[in-house]
Amino acid sequence: MPIDIEMIAKQMADFAVGVDDVRVEVDPEDPDDVRMILAWISADLPADTAESLCLGWAQIIRKSLPERLDGWSSAIVVIRPLGSPLGVYFMGWTGHDDAWDISETPGETDSEEWDTLYQRLDEYLCSLGTSDSQGNGDFFLFDEDYGTLHQSLTIYRIEFLTRALVEGIQAFLKDGYADWSVSVILDLLPPVEGVASDGIDIYANRIVENWDRARLAKRLGKRLKF
């Protein structure tokens, strides 16, 4: 019986208030791989509250996704409003209790620091493309401060993400923000089959690639500029 991933996502999104979006990632090349379920929350939650939410979600998921004998069948990634993961809830391994892994919390900052970097980045990005929170542009720089050393950038048009753009962001981080990061999240519109939301984390001195570059290049071809 085929798995109705859209139904699972809808039931999870309807399960509690304050859930912006739920997506079930499907790997067409490896359907037996761990099923990643991404859940975006609209406000920061305490870790224990997020874990309780995952317990309820797990009951929904278990109705459709079978357990595995050799490892976790599914993982729920709870994503903060800024785009960074709050934690990952692993489930579906026969004979093993579910596991809740809390992500490391970035250092705290004051609002003036956050706002200064936000204004610099937003001005820079707007000089290169169009910002729109509803996806009718090239990007959206998340505009709420939750007191962390972090900014979140959503990309709607993959051609906007170039090496020059990333190097420009790094230049701002090198100017007094060496401990900060900018997370790039992919929300391509129109969606591209097989392309997940995983992007990159930009630091002053390095770039962490969270995406599957080989698959991304295969799906996007010459559209991938980074």
N, C-alpha and C. Protein backbone atom coordinates (compact mmCIF):
# COMPACT_ATOMS: atom_id res chain seq x y z
N MET A 1 0.86 -1.20 0.00
CA MET A 1 0.00 0.00 0.00
C MET A 1 0.89 1.24 0.00
N PRO A 2 0.72 2.15 -0.95
CA PRO A 2 1.57 3.34 -1.03
C PRO A 2 1.34 4.27 0.16
N ILE A 3 2.39 4.99 0.54
CA ILE A 3 2.31 5.91 1.67
C ILE A 3 1.81 7.27 1.18
N ASP A 4 0.78 7.77 1.82
CA ASP A 4 0.20 9.06 1.45
C ASP A 4 0.91 10.14 2.26
N ILE A 5 2.01 10.67 1.70
CA ILE A 5 2.81 11.64 2.45
C ILE A 5 2.08 12.97 2.62
N GLU A 6 1.25 13.33 1.67
CA GLU A 6 0.49 14.57 1.79
C GLU A 6 -0.49 14.49 2.94
N MET A 7 -1.11 13.33 3.12
CA MET A 7 -2.05 13.15 4.22
C MET A 7 -1.33 13.23 5.56
N ILE A 8 -0.14 12.59 5.65
CA ILE A 8 0.64 12.64 6.89
C ILE A 8 0.99 14.09 7.23
N ALA A 9 1.47 14.83 6.25
CA ALA A 9 1.85 16.22 6.47
C ALA A 9 0.68 17.06 6.93
N LYS A 10 -0.49 16.85 6.31
CA LYS A 10 -1.68 17.63 6.67
C LYS A 10 -2.13 17.30 8.10
N GLN A 11 -2.14 16.02 8.44
CA GLN A 11 -2.56 15.63 9.79
C GLN A 11 -1.62 16.19 10.84
N MET A 12 -0.32 16.19 10.54
CA MET A 12 0.64 16.74 11.50
C MET A 12 0.46 18.25 11.64
N ALA A 13 0.24 18.95 10.53
CA ALA A 13 0.06 20.40 10.58
C ALA A 13 -1.22 20.77 11.33
N ASP A 14 -2.26 19.92 11.22
CA ASP A 14 -3.53 20.19 11.89
C ASP A 14 -3.53 19.77 13.35
N PHE A 15 -2.49 19.04 13.77
CA PHE A 15 -2.46 18.46 15.11
C PHE A 15 -2.37 19.52 16.21
N ALA A 16 -1.65 20.62 15.94
CA ALA A 16 -1.44 21.64 16.97
C ALA A 16 -1.37 23.02 16.33
N VAL A 17 -1.74 24.03 17.12
CA VAL A 17 -1.60 25.41 16.64
C VAL A 17 -0.12 25.79 16.66
N GLY A 18 0.22 26.81 15.90
CA GLY A 18 1.59 27.28 15.90
C GLY A 18 2.53 26.46 15.05
N VAL A 19 1.97 25.67 14.13
CA VAL A 19 2.79 24.90 13.19
C VAL A 19 2.60 25.51 11.81
N ASP A 20 3.66 26.11 11.28
CA ASP A 20 3.56 26.82 10.00
C ASP A 20 3.47 25.87 8.80
N ASP A 21 4.26 24.81 8.85
CA ASP A 21 4.32 23.93 7.68
C ASP A 21 4.93 22.60 8.09
N VAL A 22 4.52 21.54 7.42
CA VAL A 22 5.10 20.21 7.61
C VAL A 22 5.35 19.61 6.24
N ARG A 23 6.54 19.07 6.04
CA ARG A 23 6.86 18.43 4.77
C ARG A 23 7.50 17.07 5.04
N VAL A 24 7.09 16.10 4.27
CA VAL A 24 7.68 14.77 4.36
C VAL A 24 8.60 14.61 3.15
N GLU A 25 9.89 14.49 3.44
CA GLU A 25 10.88 14.40 2.36
C GLU A 25 10.93 12.98 1.81
N VAL A 26 10.85 12.87 0.50
CA VAL A 26 10.86 11.58 -0.17
C VAL A 26 12.11 11.50 -1.04
N ASP A 27 12.84 10.41 -0.88
CA ASP A 27 14.00 10.17 -1.72
C ASP A 27 13.61 9.14 -2.77
N PRO A 28 13.31 9.57 -4.00
CA PRO A 28 12.85 8.62 -5.02
C PRO A 28 13.91 7.59 -5.38
N GLU A 29 15.18 7.90 -5.11
CA GLU A 29 16.24 6.97 -5.47
C GLU A 29 16.52 5.95 -4.35
N ASP A 30 16.02 6.23 -3.16
CA ASP A 30 16.23 5.32 -2.03
C ASP A 30 15.02 5.37 -1.11
N PRO A 31 13.90 4.75 -1.53
CA PRO A 31 12.66 4.83 -0.74
C PRO A 31 12.77 4.17 0.62
N ASP A 32 13.78 3.32 0.84
CA ASP A 32 13.94 2.65 2.13
C ASP A 32 14.79 3.44 3.11
N ASP A 33 15.28 4.59 2.71
CA ASP A 33 16.10 5.42 3.57
C ASP A 33 15.23 6.00 4.70
N VAL A 34 15.89 6.55 5.73
CA VAL A 34 15.15 7.16 6.83
C VAL A 34 14.28 8.30 6.28
N ARG A 35 13.00 8.27 6.60
CA ARG A 35 12.06 9.29 6.11
C ARG A 35 12.20 10.54 6.98
N MET A 36 12.61 11.64 6.36
CA MET A 36 12.79 12.90 7.08
C MET A 36 11.51 13.72 7.00
N ILE A 37 11.04 14.17 8.15
CA ILE A 37 9.82 14.95 8.24
C ILE A 37 10.18 16.30 8.85
N LEU A 38 10.02 17.37 8.09
CA LEU A 38 10.40 18.70 8.53
C LEU A 38 9.18 19.45 9.02
N ALA A 39 9.27 19.99 10.24
CA ALA A 39 8.13 20.70 10.83
C ALA A 39 8.58 22.09 11.28
N TRP A 40 8.02 23.12 10.66
CA TRP A 40 8.35 24.50 11.00
C TRP A 40 7.35 25.03 12.03
N ILE A 41 7.84 25.52 13.16
CA ILE A 41 6.98 26.09 14.19
C ILE A 41 7.03 27.61 14.12
N SER A 42 5.93 28.26 14.49
CA SER A 42 5.81 29.71 14.31
C SER A 42 6.42 30.50 15.47
N ALA A 43 6.71 29.83 16.58
CA ALA A 43 7.33 30.51 17.72
C ALA A 43 8.28 29.54 18.41
N ASP A 44 9.31 30.11 19.04
CA ASP A 44 10.25 29.26 19.78
C ASP A 44 9.53 28.54 20.91
N LEU A 45 9.82 27.26 21.06
CA LEU A 45 9.23 26.45 22.12
C LEU A 45 10.34 25.90 23.02
N PRO A 46 10.04 25.70 24.30
CA PRO A 46 10.99 24.97 25.15
C PRO A 46 11.20 23.57 24.58
N ALA A 47 12.37 23.00 24.82
CA ALA A 47 12.69 21.70 24.26
C ALA A 47 11.71 20.62 24.71
N ASP A 48 11.28 20.68 25.99
CA ASP A 48 10.37 19.64 26.47
C ASP A 48 8.98 19.76 25.83
N THR A 49 8.58 21.00 25.51
CA THR A 49 7.30 21.19 24.83
C THR A 49 7.36 20.65 23.40
N ALA A 50 8.49 20.90 22.73
CA ALA A 50 8.66 20.37 21.38
C ALA A 50 8.68 18.84 21.38
N GLU A 51 9.30 18.27 22.41
CA GLU A 51 9.33 16.81 22.50
C GLU A 51 7.91 16.26 22.68
N SER A 52 7.11 16.91 23.50
CA SER A 52 5.72 16.47 23.68
C SER A 52 4.94 16.55 22.38
N LEU A 53 5.21 17.60 21.61
CA LEU A 53 4.56 17.73 20.31
C LEU A 53 4.95 16.57 19.40
N CYS A 54 6.22 16.19 19.44
CA CYS A 54 6.69 15.08 18.62
C CYS A 54 6.06 13.76 19.04
N LEU A 55 5.80 13.59 20.32
CA LEU A 55 5.15 12.37 20.80
C LEU A 55 3.79 12.21 20.15
N GLY A 56 3.06 13.33 20.05
CA GLY A 56 1.76 13.27 19.38
C GLY A 56 1.89 13.02 17.89
N TRP A 57 2.88 13.67 17.28
CA TRP A 57 3.11 13.45 15.85
C TRP A 57 3.49 12.00 15.57
N ALA A 58 4.26 11.41 16.48
CA ALA A 58 4.71 10.03 16.27
C ALA A 58 3.53 9.08 16.16
N GLN A 59 2.46 9.34 16.91
CA GLN A 59 1.28 8.49 16.83
C GLN A 59 0.64 8.57 15.45
N ILE A 60 0.66 9.75 14.86
CA ILE A 60 0.11 9.92 13.51
C ILE A 60 0.97 9.18 12.49
N ILE A 61 2.29 9.35 12.62
CA ILE A 61 3.21 8.77 11.64
C ILE A 61 3.18 7.25 11.68
N ARG A 62 3.09 6.68 12.88
CA ARG A 62 3.13 5.22 13.01
C ARG A 62 1.96 4.53 12.33
N LYS A 63 0.88 5.26 12.09
CA LYS A 63 -0.26 4.67 11.41
C LYS A 63 0.05 4.36 9.95
N SER A 64 1.05 5.05 9.39
CA SER A 64 1.33 4.92 7.96
C SER A 64 2.73 4.40 7.65
N LEU A 65 3.70 4.72 8.51
CA LEU A 65 5.08 4.33 8.23
C LEU A 65 5.48 3.15 9.11
N PRO A 66 5.83 2.01 8.52
CA PRO A 66 6.18 0.83 9.31
C PRO A 66 7.53 0.99 10.00
N GLU A 67 7.71 0.23 11.08
CA GLU A 67 9.00 0.22 11.77
C GLU A 67 10.03 -0.56 10.95
N ARG A 68 11.30 -0.38 11.33
CA ARG A 68 12.39 -1.10 10.67
C ARG A 68 13.17 -1.89 11.71
N LEU A 69 13.78 -2.97 11.25
CA LEU A 69 14.55 -3.82 12.15
C LEU A 69 16.00 -3.36 12.28
N ASP A 70 16.47 -2.56 11.33
CA ASP A 70 17.90 -2.24 11.26
C ASP A 70 18.22 -0.77 11.47
N GLY A 71 17.29 0.01 11.97
CA GLY A 71 17.56 1.42 12.19
C GLY A 71 16.27 2.22 12.26
N TRP A 72 16.41 3.53 12.45
CA TRP A 72 15.24 4.40 12.54
C TRP A 72 14.51 4.44 11.20
N SER A 73 13.20 4.42 11.26
CA SER A 73 12.42 4.53 10.02
C SER A 73 12.13 5.98 9.67
N SER A 74 12.05 6.84 10.70
CA SER A 74 11.65 8.23 10.47
C SER A 74 12.33 9.15 11.46
N ALA A 75 12.43 10.42 11.08
CA ALA A 75 12.98 11.44 11.96
C ALA A 75 12.22 12.74 11.75
N ILE A 76 11.74 13.32 12.84
CA ILE A 76 11.02 14.60 12.77
C ILE A 76 12.00 15.71 13.14
N VAL A 77 12.25 16.61 12.23
CA VAL A 77 13.13 17.76 12.49
C VAL A 77 12.25 18.96 12.82
N VAL A 78 12.33 19.43 14.06
CA VAL A 78 11.56 20.60 14.50
C VAL A 78 12.41 21.84 14.23
N ILE A 79 11.87 22.75 13.42
CA ILE A 79 12.64 23.90 12.95
C ILE A 79 12.10 25.19 13.56
N ARG A 80 12.99 25.95 14.17
CA ARG A 80 12.62 27.22 14.78
C ARG A 80 12.21 28.25 13.73
N PRO A 81 11.55 29.33 14.16
CA PRO A 81 11.18 30.40 13.21
C PRO A 81 12.37 30.98 12.45
N LEU A 82 13.56 30.99 13.08
CA LEU A 82 14.74 31.53 12.41
C LEU A 82 15.33 30.56 11.40
N GLY A 83 14.84 29.34 11.39
CA GLY A 83 15.31 28.37 10.41
C GLY A 83 16.29 27.35 10.94
N SER A 84 16.74 27.50 12.18
CA SER A 84 17.68 26.52 12.74
C SER A 84 16.89 25.42 13.45
N PRO A 85 17.43 24.20 13.48
CA PRO A 85 16.71 23.10 14.12
C PRO A 85 16.69 23.23 15.64
N LEU A 86 15.53 22.97 16.24
CA LEU A 86 15.42 22.92 17.69
C LEU A 86 15.82 21.54 18.19
N GLY A 87 15.46 20.52 17.44
CA GLY A 87 15.80 19.16 17.83
C GLY A 87 15.29 18.18 16.79
N VAL A 88 15.72 16.93 16.93
CA VAL A 88 15.30 15.87 16.01
C VAL A 88 14.75 14.71 16.83
N TYR A 89 13.58 14.24 16.45
CA TYR A 89 12.91 13.13 17.13
C TYR A 89 12.99 11.90 16.24
N PHE A 90 13.72 10.87 16.71
CA PHE A 90 13.91 9.66 15.93
C PHE A 90 12.92 8.59 16.39
N MET A 91 12.36 7.85 15.45
CA MET A 91 11.36 6.86 15.80
C MET A 91 11.36 5.72 14.78
N GLY A 92 10.67 4.62 15.17
CA GLY A 92 10.41 3.55 14.22
C GLY A 92 11.49 2.49 14.11
N TRP A 93 12.28 2.28 15.17
CA TRP A 93 13.29 1.22 15.17
C TRP A 93 12.78 0.14 16.12
N THR A 94 12.45 -1.02 15.58
CA THR A 94 11.87 -2.10 16.36
C THR A 94 12.75 -2.44 17.57
N GLY A 95 12.14 -2.44 18.74
CA GLY A 95 12.87 -2.78 19.96
C GLY A 95 13.62 -1.63 20.58
N HIS A 96 13.53 -0.43 20.00
CA HIS A 96 14.22 0.75 20.52
C HIS A 96 13.20 1.83 20.87
N ASP A 97 13.41 2.47 22.02
CA ASP A 97 12.57 3.61 22.37
C ASP A 97 12.89 4.78 21.44
N ASP A 98 11.89 5.63 21.21
CA ASP A 98 12.12 6.85 20.44
C ASP A 98 13.20 7.69 21.11
N ALA A 99 13.88 8.52 20.34
CA ALA A 99 14.98 9.33 20.87
C ALA A 99 14.78 10.79 20.47
N TRP A 100 14.97 11.68 21.43
CA TRP A 100 14.85 13.13 21.19
C TRP A 100 16.22 13.75 21.36
N ASP A 101 16.74 14.30 20.28
CA ASP A 101 18.08 14.88 20.26
C ASP A 101 17.95 16.39 20.15
N ILE A 102 18.34 17.10 21.20
CA ILE A 102 18.22 18.56 21.22
C ILE A 102 19.43 19.17 20.53
N SER A 103 19.18 20.07 19.60
CA SER A 103 20.27 20.76 18.91
C SER A 103 20.94 21.74 19.85
N GLU A 104 22.21 21.99 19.58
CA GLU A 104 22.92 22.98 20.38
C GLU A 104 22.32 24.36 20.15
N THR A 105 22.14 25.10 21.23
CA THR A 105 21.56 26.43 21.14
C THR A 105 22.64 27.46 20.90
N PRO A 106 22.51 28.28 19.85
CA PRO A 106 23.53 29.30 19.61
C PRO A 106 23.62 30.28 20.77
N GLY A 107 24.72 30.99 20.83
CA GLY A 107 24.89 31.98 21.88
C GLY A 107 23.86 33.10 21.76
N GLU A 108 23.66 33.81 22.85
CA GLU A 108 22.66 34.87 22.86
C GLU A 108 23.31 36.21 22.53
N THR A 109 22.50 37.13 22.08
CA THR A 109 22.99 38.45 21.72
C THR A 109 21.93 39.48 22.10
N ASP A 110 22.26 40.76 21.98
CA ASP A 110 21.24 41.78 22.22
C ASP A 110 20.62 42.20 20.90
N SER A 111 19.47 42.84 20.98
CA SER A 111 18.69 43.15 19.79
C SER A 111 19.39 44.16 18.88
N GLU A 112 20.21 45.04 19.46
CA GLU A 112 20.89 46.04 18.64
C GLU A 112 21.88 45.38 17.68
N GLU A 113 22.63 44.39 18.19
CA GLU A 113 23.55 43.65 17.33
C GLU A 113 22.80 42.95 16.20
N TRP A 114 21.74 42.27 16.58
CA TRP A 114 20.96 41.51 15.60
C TRP A 114 20.41 42.45 14.52
N ASP A 115 19.83 43.55 14.97
CA ASP A 115 19.19 44.47 14.04
C ASP A 115 20.21 45.12 13.10
N THR A 116 21.38 45.45 13.61
CA THR A 116 22.42 46.06 12.77
C THR A 116 22.83 45.11 11.65
N LEU A 117 23.08 43.86 11.99
CA LEU A 117 23.46 42.90 10.95
C LEU A 117 22.30 42.66 10.00
N TYR A 118 21.09 42.57 10.54
CA TYR A 118 19.92 42.37 9.67
C TYR A 118 19.81 43.50 8.64
N GLN A 119 19.94 44.73 9.08
CA GLN A 119 19.81 45.87 8.17
C GLN A 119 20.89 45.84 7.10
N ARG A 120 22.11 45.49 7.48
CA ARG A 120 23.21 45.42 6.51
C ARG A 120 22.95 44.33 5.47
N LEU A 121 22.56 43.16 5.97
CA LEU A 121 22.31 42.05 5.05
C LEU A 121 21.13 42.34 4.13
N ASP A 122 20.06 42.89 4.70
CA ASP A 122 18.86 43.15 3.91
C ASP A 122 19.14 44.17 2.81
N GLU A 123 19.88 45.21 3.14
CA GLU A 123 20.23 46.22 2.14
C GLU A 123 21.08 45.61 1.03
N TYR A 124 22.02 44.77 1.42
CA TYR A 124 22.88 44.10 0.44
C TYR A 124 22.08 43.18 -0.46
N LEU A 125 21.23 42.35 0.13
CA LEU A 125 20.45 41.40 -0.65
C LEU A 125 19.46 42.10 -1.58
N CYS A 126 18.86 43.18 -1.07
CA CYS A 126 17.89 43.92 -1.90
C CYS A 126 18.57 44.64 -3.06
N SER A 127 19.86 44.89 -2.96
CA SER A 127 20.59 45.50 -4.07
C SER A 127 20.81 44.48 -5.20
N LEU A 128 20.63 43.20 -4.87
CA LEU A 128 20.87 42.14 -5.85
C LEU A 128 19.60 41.47 -6.35
N GLY A 129 18.52 41.58 -5.59
CA GLY A 129 17.31 40.89 -5.98
C GLY A 129 16.10 41.43 -5.25
N THR A 130 14.99 40.68 -5.32
CA THR A 130 13.71 41.13 -4.79
C THR A 130 13.34 40.29 -3.57
N SER A 131 12.95 41.00 -2.49
CA SER A 131 12.54 40.32 -1.26
C SER A 131 11.02 40.24 -1.19
N ASP A 132 10.51 39.08 -0.75
CA ASP A 132 9.06 38.92 -0.58
C ASP A 132 8.81 37.73 0.34
N SER A 133 8.08 37.95 1.41
CA SER A 133 7.85 36.89 2.39
C SER A 133 6.92 35.80 1.88
N GLN A 134 6.18 36.08 0.80
CA GLN A 134 5.23 35.10 0.26
C GLN A 134 5.78 34.32 -0.93
N GLY A 135 7.04 34.53 -1.24
CA GLY A 135 7.64 33.76 -2.32
C GLY A 135 7.55 34.40 -3.69
N ASN A 136 7.09 35.64 -3.74
CA ASN A 136 6.96 36.31 -5.04
C ASN A 136 8.20 37.14 -5.37
N GLY A 137 9.36 36.61 -5.03
CA GLY A 137 10.61 37.31 -5.29
C GLY A 137 11.76 36.33 -5.31
N ASP A 138 12.94 36.82 -5.07
CA ASP A 138 14.13 35.97 -5.09
C ASP A 138 14.44 35.36 -3.73
N PHE A 139 14.11 36.08 -2.66
CA PHE A 139 14.53 35.67 -1.33
C PHE A 139 13.66 36.32 -0.27
N PHE A 140 13.86 35.86 0.97
CA PHE A 140 13.29 36.56 2.13
C PHE A 140 14.24 36.37 3.30
N LEU A 141 14.70 37.49 3.87
CA LEU A 141 15.53 37.47 5.06
C LEU A 141 14.63 37.57 6.28
N PHE A 142 14.61 36.51 7.09
CA PHE A 142 13.69 36.47 8.23
C PHE A 142 13.90 37.68 9.12
N ASP A 143 12.79 38.35 9.50
CA ASP A 143 12.91 39.66 10.13
C ASP A 143 12.50 39.71 11.60
N GLU A 144 12.59 38.57 12.30
CA GLU A 144 12.30 38.57 13.72
C GLU A 144 13.52 38.12 14.50
N ASP A 145 13.79 38.80 15.60
CA ASP A 145 14.96 38.55 16.43
C ASP A 145 14.56 37.67 17.61
N TYR A 146 15.19 36.48 17.70
CA TYR A 146 14.93 35.59 18.84
C TYR A 146 16.15 35.49 19.75
N GLY A 147 17.03 36.49 19.65
CA GLY A 147 18.13 36.57 20.59
C GLY A 147 19.26 35.59 20.37
N THR A 148 19.44 35.11 19.16
CA THR A 148 20.52 34.17 18.87
C THR A 148 21.48 34.77 17.85
N LEU A 149 22.68 34.20 17.79
CA LEU A 149 23.70 34.69 16.86
C LEU A 149 23.45 34.11 15.47
N HIS A 150 22.34 34.47 14.90
CA HIS A 150 21.88 33.75 13.72
C HIS A 150 20.92 34.60 12.90
N GLN A 151 21.05 34.49 11.58
CA GLN A 151 20.07 35.07 10.65
C GLN A 151 19.63 33.95 9.71
N SER A 152 18.43 34.06 9.19
CA SER A 152 17.88 33.02 8.33
C SER A 152 17.44 33.61 6.99
N LEU A 153 17.94 33.01 5.91
CA LEU A 153 17.68 33.50 4.56
C LEU A 153 17.01 32.40 3.74
N THR A 154 15.80 32.67 3.28
CA THR A 154 15.08 31.73 2.43
C THR A 154 15.27 32.12 0.97
N ILE A 155 15.61 31.14 0.15
CA ILE A 155 15.83 31.37 -1.28
C ILE A 155 14.68 30.75 -2.07
N TYR A 156 14.02 31.57 -2.89
CA TYR A 156 12.91 31.07 -3.73
C TYR A 156 13.37 30.77 -5.16
N ARG A 157 14.38 31.51 -5.61
CA ARG A 157 14.88 31.32 -6.98
C ARG A 157 16.34 30.91 -6.88
N ILE A 158 16.66 29.69 -7.24
CA ILE A 158 17.97 29.12 -6.99
C ILE A 158 19.09 29.90 -7.70
N GLU A 159 18.77 30.54 -8.82
CA GLU A 159 19.78 31.31 -9.54
C GLU A 159 20.28 32.50 -8.72
N PHE A 160 19.51 32.91 -7.72
CA PHE A 160 19.91 34.03 -6.88
C PHE A 160 21.06 33.66 -5.96
N LEU A 161 21.18 32.38 -5.66
CA LEU A 161 22.23 31.92 -4.75
C LEU A 161 23.51 31.65 -5.53
N THR A 162 24.41 32.61 -5.51
CA THR A 162 25.67 32.50 -6.23
C THR A 162 26.84 32.54 -5.25
N ARG A 163 28.00 32.15 -5.71
CA ARG A 163 29.18 32.22 -4.85
C ARG A 163 29.48 33.67 -4.48
N ALA A 164 29.28 34.58 -5.42
CA ALA A 164 29.52 35.99 -5.12
C ALA A 164 28.60 36.48 -4.01
N LEU A 165 27.34 36.06 -4.02
CA LEU A 165 26.39 36.45 -2.99
C LEU A 165 26.84 35.92 -1.63
N VAL A 166 27.25 34.66 -1.58
CA VAL A 166 27.69 34.05 -0.33
C VAL A 166 28.94 34.74 0.19
N GLU A 167 29.88 35.05 -0.68
CA GLU A 167 31.10 35.75 -0.26
C GLU A 167 30.76 37.15 0.26
N GLY A 168 29.75 37.77 -0.32
CA GLY A 168 29.31 39.08 0.18
C GLY A 168 28.77 38.97 1.60
N ILE A 169 27.99 37.93 1.87
CA ILE A 169 27.46 37.70 3.22
C ILE A 169 28.62 37.46 4.19
N GLN A 170 29.59 36.66 3.76
CA GLN A 170 30.75 36.39 4.62
C GLN A 170 31.51 37.67 4.96
N ALA A 171 31.55 38.61 4.03
CA ALA A 171 32.25 39.87 4.29
C ALA A 171 31.59 40.62 5.44
N PHE A 172 30.27 40.59 5.53
CA PHE A 172 29.58 41.24 6.64
C PHE A 172 29.86 40.50 7.95
N LEU A 173 29.90 39.18 7.91
CA LEU A 173 30.15 38.41 9.12
C LEU A 173 31.57 38.64 9.63
N LYS A 174 32.51 38.82 8.72
CA LYS A 174 33.90 39.07 9.12
C LYS A 174 34.07 40.43 9.79
N ASP A 175 33.12 41.32 9.57
CA ASP A 175 33.19 42.67 10.12
C ASP A 175 32.45 42.73 11.46
N GLY A 176 32.98 42.03 12.46
CA GLY A 176 32.42 42.10 13.81
C GLY A 176 31.42 41.03 14.17
N TYR A 177 31.19 40.07 13.26
CA TYR A 177 30.19 39.02 13.52
C TYR A 177 30.79 37.63 13.29
N ALA A 178 32.00 37.43 13.77
CA ALA A 178 32.71 36.18 13.50
C ALA A 178 32.04 34.96 14.11
N ASP A 179 31.25 35.15 15.17
CA ASP A 179 30.59 34.03 15.83
C ASP A 179 29.19 33.77 15.29
N TRP A 180 28.77 34.55 14.34
CA TRP A 180 27.41 34.45 13.82
C TRP A 180 27.34 33.51 12.62
N SER A 181 26.11 33.17 12.24
CA SER A 181 25.90 32.36 11.04
C SER A 181 24.65 32.83 10.32
N VAL A 182 24.61 32.55 9.04
CA VAL A 182 23.42 32.80 8.22
C VAL A 182 23.04 31.46 7.58
N SER A 183 21.84 30.99 7.91
CA SER A 183 21.36 29.73 7.34
C SER A 183 20.57 30.02 6.08
N VAL A 184 20.90 29.31 5.02
CA VAL A 184 20.18 29.43 3.75
C VAL A 184 19.25 28.24 3.62
N ILE A 185 17.96 28.52 3.46
CA ILE A 185 16.93 27.50 3.33
C ILE A 185 16.35 27.58 1.93
N LEU A 186 16.20 26.45 1.29
CA LEU A 186 15.63 26.41 -0.06
C LEU A 186 14.13 26.20 0.00
N ASP A 187 13.39 27.10 -0.61
CA ASP A 187 11.94 26.96 -0.76
C ASP A 187 11.62 27.35 -2.20
N LEU A 188 12.13 26.53 -3.12
CA LEU A 188 12.08 26.90 -4.53
C LEU A 188 10.65 26.94 -5.05
N LEU A 189 10.36 28.01 -5.78
CA LEU A 189 9.04 28.20 -6.38
C LEU A 189 9.19 28.50 -7.86
N PRO A 190 8.56 27.67 -8.73
CA PRO A 190 7.80 26.47 -8.35
C PRO A 190 8.72 25.40 -7.79
N PRO A 191 8.16 24.49 -6.96
CA PRO A 191 8.99 23.43 -6.37
C PRO A 191 9.63 22.56 -7.45
N VAL A 192 10.81 22.02 -7.13
CA VAL A 192 11.51 21.12 -8.02
C VAL A 192 11.52 19.74 -7.36
N GLU A 193 10.99 18.76 -8.03
CA GLU A 193 10.89 17.42 -7.46
C GLU A 193 12.28 16.91 -7.07
N GLY A 194 12.37 16.37 -5.86
CA GLY A 194 13.63 15.82 -5.40
C GLY A 194 14.55 16.82 -4.73
N VAL A 195 14.17 18.09 -4.68
CA VAL A 195 14.98 19.12 -4.04
C VAL A 195 14.36 19.46 -2.68
N ALA A 196 15.09 19.13 -1.61
CA ALA A 196 14.61 19.39 -0.26
C ALA A 196 14.92 20.81 0.17
N SER A 197 14.55 21.16 1.39
CA SER A 197 14.77 22.51 1.89
C SER A 197 16.19 22.72 2.43
N ASP A 198 16.94 21.62 2.57
CA ASP A 198 18.30 21.73 3.10
C ASP A 198 19.14 22.65 2.23
N GLY A 199 19.83 23.59 2.87
CA GLY A 199 20.69 24.52 2.13
C GLY A 199 22.10 24.53 2.67
N ILE A 200 22.56 25.71 3.07
CA ILE A 200 23.92 25.85 3.60
C ILE A 200 23.89 26.75 4.82
N ASP A 201 24.92 26.62 5.66
CA ASP A 201 25.14 27.53 6.78
C ASP A 201 26.40 28.33 6.47
N ILE A 202 26.27 29.64 6.48
CA ILE A 202 27.37 30.53 6.13
C ILE A 202 27.98 31.10 7.39
N TYR A 203 29.28 30.93 7.56
CA TYR A 203 30.03 31.52 8.66
C TYR A 203 31.09 32.44 8.06
N ALA A 204 31.71 33.22 8.90
CA ALA A 204 32.74 34.16 8.43
C ALA A 204 33.89 33.43 7.75
N ASN A 205 34.24 32.26 8.26
CA ASN A 205 35.45 31.57 7.77
C ASN A 205 35.18 30.21 7.12
N ARG A 206 33.92 29.86 6.96
CA ARG A 206 33.62 28.56 6.36
C ARG A 206 32.17 28.51 5.90
N ILE A 207 31.88 27.47 5.11
CA ILE A 207 30.51 27.22 4.64
C ILE A 207 30.21 25.75 4.90
N VAL A 208 29.09 25.48 5.55
CA VAL A 208 28.67 24.11 5.82
C VAL A 208 27.54 23.76 4.86
N GLU A 209 27.76 22.76 4.04
CA GLU A 209 26.75 22.34 3.07
C GLU A 209 25.89 21.24 3.67
N ASN A 210 24.61 21.52 3.85
CA ASN A 210 23.66 20.56 4.41
C ASN A 210 22.91 19.80 3.32
N TRP A 211 22.91 20.34 2.12
CA TRP A 211 22.18 19.72 1.03
C TRP A 211 22.95 18.54 0.44
N ASP A 212 22.28 17.79 -0.41
CA ASP A 212 22.92 16.73 -1.19
C ASP A 212 23.32 17.36 -2.52
N ARG A 213 24.58 17.80 -2.61
CA ARG A 213 25.01 18.57 -3.78
C ARG A 213 24.87 17.78 -5.08
N ALA A 214 25.21 16.49 -5.05
CA ALA A 214 25.13 15.69 -6.27
C ALA A 214 23.70 15.63 -6.78
N ARG A 215 22.76 15.40 -5.86
CA ARG A 215 21.36 15.33 -6.29
C ARG A 215 20.85 16.69 -6.75
N LEU A 216 21.29 17.74 -6.04
CA LEU A 216 20.87 19.09 -6.41
C LEU A 216 21.35 19.43 -7.81
N ALA A 217 22.60 19.11 -8.10
CA ALA A 217 23.15 19.39 -9.43
C ALA A 217 22.42 18.58 -10.50
N LYS A 218 22.05 17.35 -10.15
CA LYS A 218 21.33 16.51 -11.10
C LYS A 218 19.96 17.09 -11.41
N ARG A 219 19.30 17.61 -10.39
CA ARG A 219 17.93 18.13 -10.57
C ARG A 219 17.93 19.51 -11.23
N LEU A 220 18.93 20.33 -10.88
CA LEU A 220 18.89 21.73 -11.31
C LEU A 220 19.81 22.03 -12.48
N GLY A 221 20.81 21.21 -12.70
CA GLY A 221 21.71 21.44 -13.83
C GLY A 221 22.39 22.79 -13.75
N LYS A 222 22.39 23.53 -14.84
CA LYS A 222 23.07 24.81 -14.91
C LYS A 222 22.42 25.90 -14.08
N ARG A 223 21.22 25.63 -13.55
CA ARG A 223 20.55 26.62 -12.69
C ARG A 223 21.30 26.78 -11.36
N LEU A 224 22.04 25.74 -10.97
CA LEU A 224 22.79 25.79 -9.72
C LEU A 224 24.07 26.60 -9.94
N LYS A 225 24.15 27.77 -9.34
CA LYS A 225 25.26 28.69 -9.56
C LYS A 225 26.30 28.63 -8.46
N PHE A 226 25.99 27.98 -7.35
CA PHE A 226 26.93 27.96 -6.22
C PHE A 226 27.67 26.63 -6.18
